[in-house]
Amino acid sequence: MIGKNIGDVVSGDIAGMAGYTLKLTGGTDKDGFAMRGDLPGSARRKILVAGGVGYIPKAEGVKRRKSMRGHEISSDISQINTVIVDMAKNLLRNIR
């Protein structure tokens, strides 16, 4: 998975889910810092945010400087979030 970006679609075989297609939606690094889809690269940076991934302001207009990871998966990423995009047709028949 190293080198993939948030938003990429991958085969489920990587996660032991044959027949599925997965979309990468985010993750965290080894220290718990969130990945952000609009931040290029894989390095951890301190950015000024007013909301979105990794920060929910307590009042309108409040901004804060937070450490976040870029959208590229590297060896420092310990947890990856995915969403199932598609299943094989034979798997759908077994569910119904």
PDB file of N, CA and C in Angstrom:
ATOM      1  N   MET A   1       0.819  -1.204   0.000  1.00  0.00           N
ATOM      2  CA  MET A   1       0.000   0.000   0.000  1.00  0.00           C
ATOM      3  C   MET A   1       0.864   1.269   0.000  1.00  0.00           C
ATOM      4  N   ILE A   2       2.150   1.136   0.287  1.00  0.00           N
ATOM      5  CA  ILE A   2       3.014   2.308   0.322  1.00  0.00           C
ATOM      6  C   ILE A   2       3.039   2.958  -1.056  1.00  0.00           C
ATOM      7  N   GLY A   3       2.864   4.266  -1.091  1.00  0.00           N
ATOM      8  CA  GLY A   3       2.852   5.026  -2.332  1.00  0.00           C
ATOM      9  C   GLY A   3       1.448   5.341  -2.836  1.00  0.00           C
ATOM     10  N   LYS A   4       0.428   4.687  -2.290  1.00  0.00           N
ATOM     11  CA  LYS A   4      -0.959   4.979  -2.674  1.00  0.00           C
ATOM     12  C   LYS A   4      -1.401   6.263  -1.977  1.00  0.00           C
ATOM     13  N   ASN A   5      -2.442   6.901  -2.532  1.00  0.00           N
ATOM     14  CA  ASN A   5      -2.952   8.157  -1.979  1.00  0.00           C
ATOM     15  C   ASN A   5      -4.388   7.996  -1.505  1.00  0.00           C
ATOM     16  N   ILE A   6      -4.825   8.903  -0.645  1.00  0.00           N
ATOM     17  CA  ILE A   6      -6.230   8.946  -0.241  1.00  0.00           C
ATOM     18  C   ILE A   6      -7.056   9.198  -1.501  1.00  0.00           C
ATOM     19  N   GLY A   7      -8.113   8.421  -1.677  1.00  0.00           N
ATOM     20  CA  GLY A   7      -8.963   8.539  -2.851  1.00  0.00           C
ATOM     21  C   GLY A   7      -8.681   7.492  -3.907  1.00  0.00           C
ATOM     22  N   ASP A   8      -7.543   6.791  -3.816  1.00  0.00           N
ATOM     23  CA  ASP A   8      -7.231   5.738  -4.774  1.00  0.00           C
ATOM     24  C   ASP A   8      -8.132   4.528  -4.539  1.00  0.00           C
ATOM     25  N   VAL A   9      -8.436   3.824  -5.612  1.00  0.00           N
ATOM     26  CA  VAL A   9      -9.240   2.607  -5.534  1.00  0.00           C
ATOM     27  C   VAL A   9      -8.299   1.428  -5.732  1.00  0.00           C
ATOM     28  N   VAL A  10      -8.364   0.445  -4.811  1.00  0.00           N
ATOM     29  CA  VAL A  10      -7.471  -0.714  -4.849  1.00  0.00           C
ATOM     30  C   VAL A  10      -8.284  -1.999  -4.780  1.00  0.00           C
ATOM     31  N   SER A  11      -7.657  -3.085  -5.146  1.00  0.00           N
ATOM     32  CA  SER A  11      -8.289  -4.395  -5.072  1.00  0.00           C
ATOM     33  C   SER A  11      -8.352  -4.847  -3.613  1.00  0.00           C
ATOM     34  N   GLY A  12      -9.411  -5.539  -3.252  1.00  0.00           N
ATOM     35  CA  GLY A  12      -9.574  -6.038  -1.893  1.00  0.00           C
ATOM     36  C   GLY A  12      -8.648  -7.185  -1.554  1.00  0.00           C
ATOM     37  N   ASP A  13      -7.963  -7.751  -2.564  1.00  0.00           N
ATOM     38  CA  ASP A  13      -7.027  -8.842  -2.316  1.00  0.00           C
ATOM     39  C   ASP A  13      -5.917  -8.415  -1.358  1.00  0.00           C
ATOM     40  N   ILE A  14      -5.575  -7.133  -1.348  1.00  0.00           N
ATOM     41  CA  ILE A  14      -4.534  -6.609  -0.469  1.00  0.00           C
ATOM     42  C   ILE A  14      -4.908  -6.827   0.994  1.00  0.00           C
ATOM     43  N   ALA A  15      -6.201  -6.705   1.314  1.00  0.00           N
ATOM     44  CA  ALA A  15      -6.684  -6.836   2.685  1.00  0.00           C
ATOM     45  C   ALA A  15      -7.311  -8.207   2.950  1.00  0.00           C
ATOM     46  N   GLY A  16      -7.127  -9.157   2.031  1.00  0.00           N
ATOM     47  CA  GLY A  16      -7.701 -10.480   2.217  1.00  0.00           C
ATOM     48  C   GLY A  16      -9.187 -10.533   1.922  1.00  0.00           C
ATOM     49  N   MET A  17      -9.681  -9.610   1.111  1.00  0.00           N
ATOM     50  CA  MET A  17     -11.099  -9.541   0.760  1.00  0.00           C
ATOM     51  C   MET A  17     -11.236  -9.722  -0.752  1.00  0.00           C
ATOM     52  N   ALA A  18     -11.022 -10.948  -1.217  1.00  0.00           N
ATOM     53  CA  ALA A  18     -11.070 -11.242  -2.649  1.00  0.00           C
ATOM     54  C   ALA A  18     -12.455 -10.928  -3.198  1.00  0.00           C
ATOM     55  N   GLY A  19     -12.502 -10.286  -4.357  1.00  0.00           N
ATOM     56  CA  GLY A  19     -13.757  -9.951  -4.998  1.00  0.00           C
ATOM     57  C   GLY A  19     -14.276  -8.566  -4.662  1.00  0.00           C
ATOM     58  N   TYR A  20     -13.658  -7.885  -3.712  1.00  0.00           N
ATOM     59  CA  TYR A  20     -14.084  -6.550  -3.322  1.00  0.00           C
ATOM     60  C   TYR A  20     -13.168  -5.503  -3.949  1.00  0.00           C
ATOM     61  N   THR A  21     -13.679  -4.299  -4.098  1.00  0.00           N
ATOM     62  CA  THR A  21     -12.884  -3.142  -4.501  1.00  0.00           C
ATOM     63  C   THR A  21     -12.991  -2.119  -3.384  1.00  0.00           C
ATOM     64  N   LEU A  22     -11.860  -1.596  -2.926  1.00  0.00           N
ATOM     65  CA  LEU A  22     -11.813  -0.689  -1.786  1.00  0.00           C
ATOM     66  C   LEU A  22     -11.312   0.686  -2.207  1.00  0.00           C
ATOM     67  N   LYS A  23     -11.851   1.721  -1.572  1.00  0.00           N
ATOM     68  CA  LYS A  23     -11.392   3.098  -1.786  1.00  0.00           C
ATOM     69  C   LYS A  23     -10.729   3.571  -0.501  1.00  0.00           C
ATOM     70  N   LEU A  24      -9.511   4.116  -0.599  1.00  0.00           N
ATOM     71  CA  LEU A  24      -8.781   4.624   0.566  1.00  0.00           C
ATOM     72  C   LEU A  24      -9.376   5.967   0.971  1.00  0.00           C
ATOM     73  N   THR A  25      -9.772   6.098   2.248  1.00  0.00           N
ATOM     74  CA  THR A  25     -10.426   7.329   2.694  1.00  0.00           C
ATOM     75  C   THR A  25      -9.645   8.089   3.754  1.00  0.00           C
ATOM     76  N   GLY A  26      -8.596   7.508   4.304  1.00  0.00           N
ATOM     77  CA  GLY A  26      -7.820   8.212   5.319  1.00  0.00           C
ATOM     78  C   GLY A  26      -6.986   7.256   6.139  1.00  0.00           C
ATOM     79  N   GLY A  27      -6.554   7.731   7.304  1.00  0.00           N
ATOM     80  CA  GLY A  27      -5.746   6.905   8.196  1.00  0.00           C
ATOM     81  C   GLY A  27      -5.026   7.756   9.214  1.00  0.00           C
ATOM     82  N   THR A  28      -4.198   7.082  10.015  1.00  0.00           N
ATOM     83  CA  THR A  28      -3.386   7.772  11.013  1.00  0.00           C
ATOM     84  C   THR A  28      -1.977   7.198  11.005  1.00  0.00           C
ATOM     85  N   ASP A  29      -1.035   7.996  11.508  1.00  0.00           N
ATOM     86  CA  ASP A  29       0.336   7.505  11.580  1.00  0.00           C
ATOM     87  C   ASP A  29       0.574   6.814  12.916  1.00  0.00           C
ATOM     88  N   LYS A  30       1.814   6.419  13.160  1.00  0.00           N
ATOM     89  CA  LYS A  30       2.152   5.647  14.352  1.00  0.00           C
ATOM     90  C   LYS A  30       1.914   6.418  15.651  1.00  0.00           C
ATOM     91  N   ASP A  31       1.854   7.746  15.592  1.00  0.00           N
ATOM     92  CA  ASP A  31       1.623   8.563  16.779  1.00  0.00           C
ATOM     93  C   ASP A  31       0.195   9.074  16.883  1.00  0.00           C
ATOM     94  N   GLY A  32      -0.678   8.682  15.938  1.00  0.00           N
ATOM     95  CA  GLY A  32      -2.082   9.052  16.002  1.00  0.00           C
ATOM     96  C   GLY A  32      -2.464  10.308  15.243  1.00  0.00           C
ATOM     97  N   PHE A  33      -1.553  10.874  14.470  1.00  0.00           N
ATOM     98  CA  PHE A  33      -1.870  12.079  13.697  1.00  0.00           C
ATOM     99  C   PHE A  33      -2.626  11.691  12.429  1.00  0.00           C
ATOM    100  N   ALA A  34      -3.704  12.410  12.144  1.00  0.00           N
ATOM    101  CA  ALA A  34      -4.583  12.086  11.021  1.00  0.00           C
ATOM    102  C   ALA A  34      -3.954  12.444   9.681  1.00  0.00           C
ATOM    103  N   MET A  35      -4.329  11.672   8.656  1.00  0.00           N
ATOM    104  CA  MET A  35      -3.968  12.000   7.278  1.00  0.00           C
ATOM    105  C   MET A  35      -5.014  12.966   6.736  1.00  0.00           C
ATOM    106  N   ARG A  36      -4.579  13.881   5.897  1.00  0.00           N
ATOM    107  CA  ARG A  36      -5.495  14.858   5.322  1.00  0.00           C
ATOM    108  C   ARG A  36      -5.403  14.787   3.805  1.00  0.00           C
ATOM    109  N   GLY A  37      -6.538  14.656   3.131  1.00  0.00           N
ATOM    110  CA  GLY A  37      -6.580  14.438   1.697  1.00  0.00           C
ATOM    111  C   GLY A  37      -6.109  15.595   0.851  1.00  0.00           C
ATOM    112  N   ASP A  38      -6.147  16.818   1.366  1.00  0.00           N
ATOM    113  CA  ASP A  38      -5.741  17.979   0.576  1.00  0.00           C
ATOM    114  C   ASP A  38      -4.316  18.438   0.867  1.00  0.00           C
ATOM    115  N   LEU A  39      -3.572  17.653   1.626  1.00  0.00           N
ATOM    116  CA  LEU A  39      -2.188  17.979   1.983  1.00  0.00           C
ATOM    117  C   LEU A  39      -1.252  17.070   1.190  1.00  0.00           C
ATOM    118  N   PRO A  40      -0.424  17.609   0.291  1.00  0.00           N
ATOM    119  CA  PRO A  40       0.418  16.753  -0.548  1.00  0.00           C
ATOM    120  C   PRO A  40       1.553  16.082   0.227  1.00  0.00           C
ATOM    121  N   GLY A  41       2.034  14.963  -0.301  1.00  0.00           N
ATOM    122  CA  GLY A  41       3.165  14.259   0.276  1.00  0.00           C
ATOM    123  C   GLY A  41       2.769  13.336   1.403  1.00  0.00           C
ATOM    124  N   SER A  42       3.786  12.843   2.118  1.00  0.00           N
ATOM    125  CA  SER A  42       3.530  11.922   3.218  1.00  0.00           C
ATOM    126  C   SER A  42       4.082  12.428   4.546  1.00  0.00           C
ATOM    127  N   ALA A  43       4.721  13.591   4.533  1.00  0.00           N
ATOM    128  CA  ALA A  43       5.355  14.121   5.737  1.00  0.00           C
ATOM    129  C   ALA A  43       4.333  14.689   6.714  1.00  0.00           C
ATOM    130  N   ARG A  44       4.715  14.744   7.981  1.00  0.00           N
ATOM    131  CA  ARG A  44       3.886  15.377   9.006  1.00  0.00           C
ATOM    132  C   ARG A  44       4.227  16.863   9.034  1.00  0.00           C
ATOM    133  N   ARG A  45       3.179  17.698   9.000  1.00  0.00           N
ATOM    134  CA  ARG A  45       3.370  19.152   9.010  1.00  0.00           C
ATOM    135  C   ARG A  45       2.406  19.802   9.970  1.00  0.00           C
ATOM    136  N   LYS A  46       2.770  20.986  10.441  1.00  0.00           N
ATOM    137  CA  LYS A  46       1.856  21.786  11.253  1.00  0.00           C
ATOM    138  C   LYS A  46       1.172  22.763  10.317  1.00  0.00           C
ATOM    139  N   ILE A  47      -0.151  22.657  10.233  1.00  0.00           N
ATOM    140  CA  ILE A  47      -0.908  23.539   9.339  1.00  0.00           C
ATOM    141  C   ILE A  47      -1.995  24.256  10.127  1.00  0.00           C
ATOM    142  N   LEU A  48      -2.396  25.413   9.631  1.00  0.00           N
ATOM    143  CA  LEU A  48      -3.464  26.187  10.246  1.00  0.00           C
ATOM    144  C   LEU A  48      -4.795  25.721   9.654  1.00  0.00           C
ATOM    145  N   VAL A  49      -5.683  25.188  10.504  1.00  0.00           N
ATOM    146  CA  VAL A  49      -6.962  24.659  10.030  1.00  0.00           C
ATOM    147  C   VAL A  49      -8.118  25.331  10.750  1.00  0.00           C
ATOM    148  N   ALA A  50      -9.236  25.443  10.022  1.00  0.00           N
ATOM    149  CA  ALA A  50     -10.443  26.027  10.592  1.00  0.00           C
ATOM    150  C   ALA A  50     -11.552  24.989  10.686  1.00  0.00           C
ATOM    151  N   GLY A  51     -11.256  23.755  10.321  1.00  0.00           N
ATOM    152  CA  GLY A  51     -12.236  22.680  10.376  1.00  0.00           C
ATOM    153  C   GLY A  51     -11.834  21.571   9.435  1.00  0.00           C
ATOM    154  N   GLY A  52     -12.688  20.574   9.312  1.00  0.00           N
ATOM    155  CA  GLY A  52     -12.415  19.459   8.421  1.00  0.00           C
ATOM    156  C   GLY A  52     -11.783  18.292   9.149  1.00  0.00           C
ATOM    157  N   VAL A  53     -11.000  17.523   8.432  1.00  0.00           N
ATOM    158  CA  VAL A  53     -10.379  16.313   8.973  1.00  0.00           C
ATOM    159  C   VAL A  53      -9.399  16.667  10.080  1.00  0.00           C
ATOM    160  N   GLY A  54      -9.565  16.068  11.241  1.00  0.00           N
ATOM    161  CA  GLY A  54      -8.617  16.233  12.334  1.00  0.00           C
ATOM    162  C   GLY A  54      -8.878  17.391  13.271  1.00  0.00           C
ATOM    163  N   TYR A  55      -9.877  18.239  13.002  1.00  0.00           N
ATOM    164  CA  TYR A  55     -10.162  19.365  13.888  1.00  0.00           C
ATOM    165  C   TYR A  55     -11.597  19.828  13.722  1.00  0.00           C
ATOM    166  N   ILE A  56     -12.311  19.909  14.840  1.00  0.00           N
ATOM    167  CA  ILE A  56     -13.667  20.447  14.868  1.00  0.00           C
ATOM    168  C   ILE A  56     -13.646  21.647  15.813  1.00  0.00           C
ATOM    169  N   PRO A  57     -13.796  22.873  15.289  1.00  0.00           N
ATOM    170  CA  PRO A  57     -13.730  24.060  16.148  1.00  0.00           C
ATOM    171  C   PRO A  57     -14.924  24.134  17.106  1.00  0.00           C
ATOM    172  N   LYS A  58     -14.687  24.701  18.288  1.00  0.00           N
ATOM    173  CA  LYS A  58     -15.751  24.843  19.291  1.00  0.00           C
ATOM    174  C   LYS A  58     -16.651  26.039  19.011  1.00  0.00           C
ATOM    175  N   ALA A  59     -16.148  27.009  18.259  1.00  0.00           N
ATOM    176  CA  ALA A  59     -16.939  28.192  17.893  1.00  0.00           C
ATOM    177  C   ALA A  59     -16.634  28.538  16.440  1.00  0.00           C
ATOM    178  N   GLU A  60     -17.530  29.262  15.810  1.00  0.00           N
ATOM    179  CA  GLU A  60     -17.357  29.626  14.411  1.00  0.00           C
ATOM    180  C   GLU A  60     -16.188  30.588  14.252  1.00  0.00           C
ATOM    181  N   GLY A  61     -15.358  30.325  13.253  1.00  0.00           N
ATOM    182  CA  GLY A  61     -14.233  31.207  12.954  1.00  0.00           C
ATOM    183  C   GLY A  61     -12.958  30.893  13.706  1.00  0.00           C
ATOM    184  N   VAL A  62     -12.974  29.917  14.603  1.00  0.00           N
ATOM    185  CA  VAL A  62     -11.784  29.567  15.382  1.00  0.00           C
ATOM    186  C   VAL A  62     -10.851  28.738  14.514  1.00  0.00           C
ATOM    187  N   LYS A  63      -9.570  29.112  14.491  1.00  0.00           N
ATOM    188  CA  LYS A  63      -8.552  28.373  13.749  1.00  0.00           C
ATOM    189  C   LYS A  63      -7.506  27.875  14.726  1.00  0.00           C
ATOM    190  N   ARG A  64      -6.823  26.804  14.332  1.00  0.00           N
ATOM    191  CA  ARG A  64      -5.810  26.230  15.211  1.00  0.00           C
ATOM    192  C   ARG A  64      -4.714  25.601  14.361  1.00  0.00           C
ATOM    193  N   ARG A  65      -3.498  25.653  14.864  1.00  0.00           N
ATOM    194  CA  ARG A  65      -2.382  25.009  14.179  1.00  0.00           C
ATOM    195  C   ARG A  65      -2.284  23.572  14.697  1.00  0.00           C
ATOM    196  N   LYS A  66      -2.395  22.608  13.772  1.00  0.00           N
ATOM    197  CA  LYS A  66      -2.394  21.186  14.125  1.00  0.00           C
ATOM    198  C   LYS A  66      -1.363  20.440  13.285  1.00  0.00           C
ATOM    199  N   SER A  67      -0.802  19.383  13.852  1.00  0.00           N
ATOM    200  CA  SER A  67       0.084  18.496  13.099  1.00  0.00           C
ATOM    201  C   SER A  67      -0.762  17.472  12.369  1.00  0.00           C
ATOM    202  N   MET A  68      -0.522  17.330  11.063  1.00  0.00           N
ATOM    203  CA  MET A  68      -1.262  16.373  10.241  1.00  0.00           C
ATOM    204  C   MET A  68      -0.329  15.778   9.207  1.00  0.00           C
ATOM    205  N   ARG A  69      -0.721  14.609   8.699  1.00  0.00           N
ATOM    206  CA  ARG A  69       0.024  13.909   7.663  1.00  0.00           C
ATOM    207  C   ARG A  69      -0.548  14.227   6.293  1.00  0.00           C
ATOM    208  N   GLY A  70       0.276  14.103   5.272  1.00  0.00           N
ATOM    209  CA  GLY A  70      -0.163  14.278   3.899  1.00  0.00           C
ATOM    210  C   GLY A  70      -0.984  13.096   3.420  1.00  0.00           C
ATOM    211  N   HIS A  71      -1.449  13.153   2.167  1.00  0.00           N
ATOM    212  CA  HIS A  71      -2.363  12.141   1.653  1.00  0.00           C
ATOM    213  C   HIS A  71      -1.691  10.881   1.124  1.00  0.00           C
ATOM    214  N   GLU A  72      -0.369  10.822   1.100  1.00  0.00           N
ATOM    215  CA  GLU A  72       0.342   9.655   0.573  1.00  0.00           C
ATOM    216  C   GLU A  72       0.678   8.680   1.705  1.00  0.00           C
ATOM    217  N   ILE A  73       0.438   7.397   1.474  1.00  0.00           N
ATOM    218  CA  ILE A  73       0.723   6.375   2.480  1.00  0.00           C
ATOM    219  C   ILE A  73       2.211   6.057   2.472  1.00  0.00           C
ATOM    220  N   SER A  74       2.816   6.088   3.659  1.00  0.00           N
ATOM    221  CA  SER A  74       4.233   5.777   3.805  1.00  0.00           C
ATOM    222  C   SER A  74       4.391   4.696   4.878  1.00  0.00           C
ATOM    223  N   SER A  75       5.624   4.373   5.202  1.00  0.00           N
ATOM    224  CA  SER A  75       5.879   3.323   6.192  1.00  0.00           C
ATOM    225  C   SER A  75       5.507   3.774   7.612  1.00  0.00           C
ATOM    226  N   ASP A  76       5.314   5.074   7.833  1.00  0.00           N
ATOM    227  CA  ASP A  76       4.930   5.574   9.154  1.00  0.00           C
ATOM    228  C   ASP A  76       3.437   5.448   9.430  1.00  0.00           C
ATOM    229  N   ILE A  77       2.636   5.151   8.420  1.00  0.00           N
ATOM    230  CA  ILE A  77       1.191   5.030   8.592  1.00  0.00           C
ATOM    231  C   ILE A  77       0.886   3.679   9.237  1.00  0.00           C
ATOM    232  N   SER A  78       0.124   3.701  10.332  1.00  0.00           N
ATOM    233  CA  SER A  78      -0.168   2.454  11.042  1.00  0.00           C
ATOM    234  C   SER A  78      -1.608   1.994  10.872  1.00  0.00           C
ATOM    235  N   GLN A  79      -2.506   2.866  10.431  1.00  0.00           N
ATOM    236  CA  GLN A  79      -3.914   2.512  10.288  1.00  0.00           C
ATOM    237  C   GLN A  79      -4.454   3.187   9.040  1.00  0.00           C
ATOM    238  N   ILE A  80      -5.169   2.406   8.204  1.00  0.00           N
ATOM    239  CA  ILE A  80      -5.718   2.919   6.953  1.00  0.00           C
ATOM    240  C   ILE A  80      -7.221   2.703   6.955  1.00  0.00           C
ATOM    241  N   ASN A  81      -7.976   3.742   6.619  1.00  0.00           N
ATOM    242  CA  ASN A  81      -9.434   3.647   6.527  1.00  0.00           C
ATOM    243  C   ASN A  81      -9.826   3.401   5.077  1.00  0.00           C
ATOM    244  N   THR A  82     -10.774   2.480   4.872  1.00  0.00           N
ATOM    245  CA  THR A  82     -11.260   2.186   3.528  1.00  0.00           C
ATOM    246  C   THR A  82     -12.775   2.069   3.524  1.00  0.00           C
ATOM    247  N   VAL A  83     -13.352   2.164   2.320  1.00  0.00           N
ATOM    248  CA  VAL A  83     -14.778   1.979   2.105  1.00  0.00           C
ATOM    249  C   VAL A  83     -14.923   0.978   0.967  1.00  0.00           C
ATOM    250  N   ILE A  84     -15.888   0.053   1.081  1.00  0.00           N
ATOM    251  CA  ILE A  84     -16.143  -0.898   0.011  1.00  0.00           C
ATOM    252  C   ILE A  84     -16.877  -0.169  -1.108  1.00  0.00           C
ATOM    253  N   VAL A  85     -16.295  -0.213  -2.313  1.00  0.00           N
ATOM    254  CA  VAL A  85     -16.880   0.456  -3.461  1.00  0.00           C
ATOM    255  C   VAL A  85     -17.687  -0.529  -4.309  1.00  0.00           C
ATOM    256  N   ASP A  86     -17.164  -1.744  -4.465  1.00  0.00           N
ATOM    257  CA  ASP A  86     -17.806  -2.707  -5.350  1.00  0.00           C
ATOM    258  C   ASP A  86     -17.545  -4.122  -4.850  1.00  0.00           C
ATOM    259  N   MET A  87     -18.522  -5.031  -5.128  1.00  0.00           N
ATOM    260  CA  MET A  87     -18.383  -6.439  -4.823  1.00  0.00           C
ATOM    261  C   MET A  87     -18.533  -7.226  -6.116  1.00  0.00           C
ATOM    262  N   ALA A  88     -17.941  -8.404  -6.149  1.00  0.00           N
ATOM    263  CA  ALA A  88     -18.119  -9.283  -7.303  1.00  0.00           C
ATOM    264  C   ALA A  88     -19.574  -9.750  -7.357  1.00  0.00           C
ATOM    265  N   LYS A  89     -20.080  -9.995  -8.558  1.00  0.00           N
ATOM    266  CA  LYS A  89     -21.483 -10.386  -8.720  1.00  0.00           C
ATOM    267  C   LYS A  89     -21.815 -11.682  -8.012  1.00  0.00           C
ATOM    268  N   ASN A  90     -20.882 -12.649  -7.980  1.00  0.00           N
ATOM    269  CA  ASN A  90     -21.161 -13.909  -7.305  1.00  0.00           C
ATOM    270  C   ASN A  90     -21.281 -13.731  -5.792  1.00  0.00           C
ATOM    271  N   LEU A  91     -20.607 -12.725  -5.229  1.00  0.00           N
ATOM    272  CA  LEU A  91     -20.747 -12.442  -3.802  1.00  0.00           C
ATOM    273  C   LEU A  91     -22.128 -11.847  -3.513  1.00  0.00           C
ATOM    274  N   LEU A  92     -22.628 -11.016  -4.429  1.00  0.00           N
ATOM    275  CA  LEU A  92     -23.952 -10.424  -4.251  1.00  0.00           C
ATOM    276  C   LEU A  92     -25.043 -11.492  -4.257  1.00  0.00           C
ATOM    277  N   ARG A  93     -24.913 -12.513  -5.099  1.00  0.00           N
ATOM    278  CA  ARG A  93     -25.914 -13.575  -5.146  1.00  0.00           C
ATOM    279  C   ARG A  93     -25.974 -14.339  -3.835  1.00  0.00           C
ATOM    280  N   ASN A  94     -24.824 -14.542  -3.186  1.00  0.00           N
ATOM    281  CA  ASN A  94     -24.786 -15.273  -1.924  1.00  0.00           C
ATOM    282  C   ASN A  94     -25.407 -14.486  -0.785  1.00  0.00           C
ATOM    283  N   ILE A  95     -25.369 -13.157  -0.848  1.00  0.00           N
ATOM    284  CA  ILE A  95     -25.928 -12.322   0.211  1.00  0.00           C
ATOM    285  C   ILE A  95     -27.450 -12.326   0.155  1.00  0.00           C
ATOM    286  N   ARG A  96     -28.026 -12.292  -1.046  1.00  0.00           N
ATOM    287  CA  ARG A  96     -29.480 -12.225  -1.201  1.00  0.00           C
ATOM    288  C   ARG A  96     -30.087 -13.510  -0.938  1.00  0.00           C
TER     289      ARG A  96
END
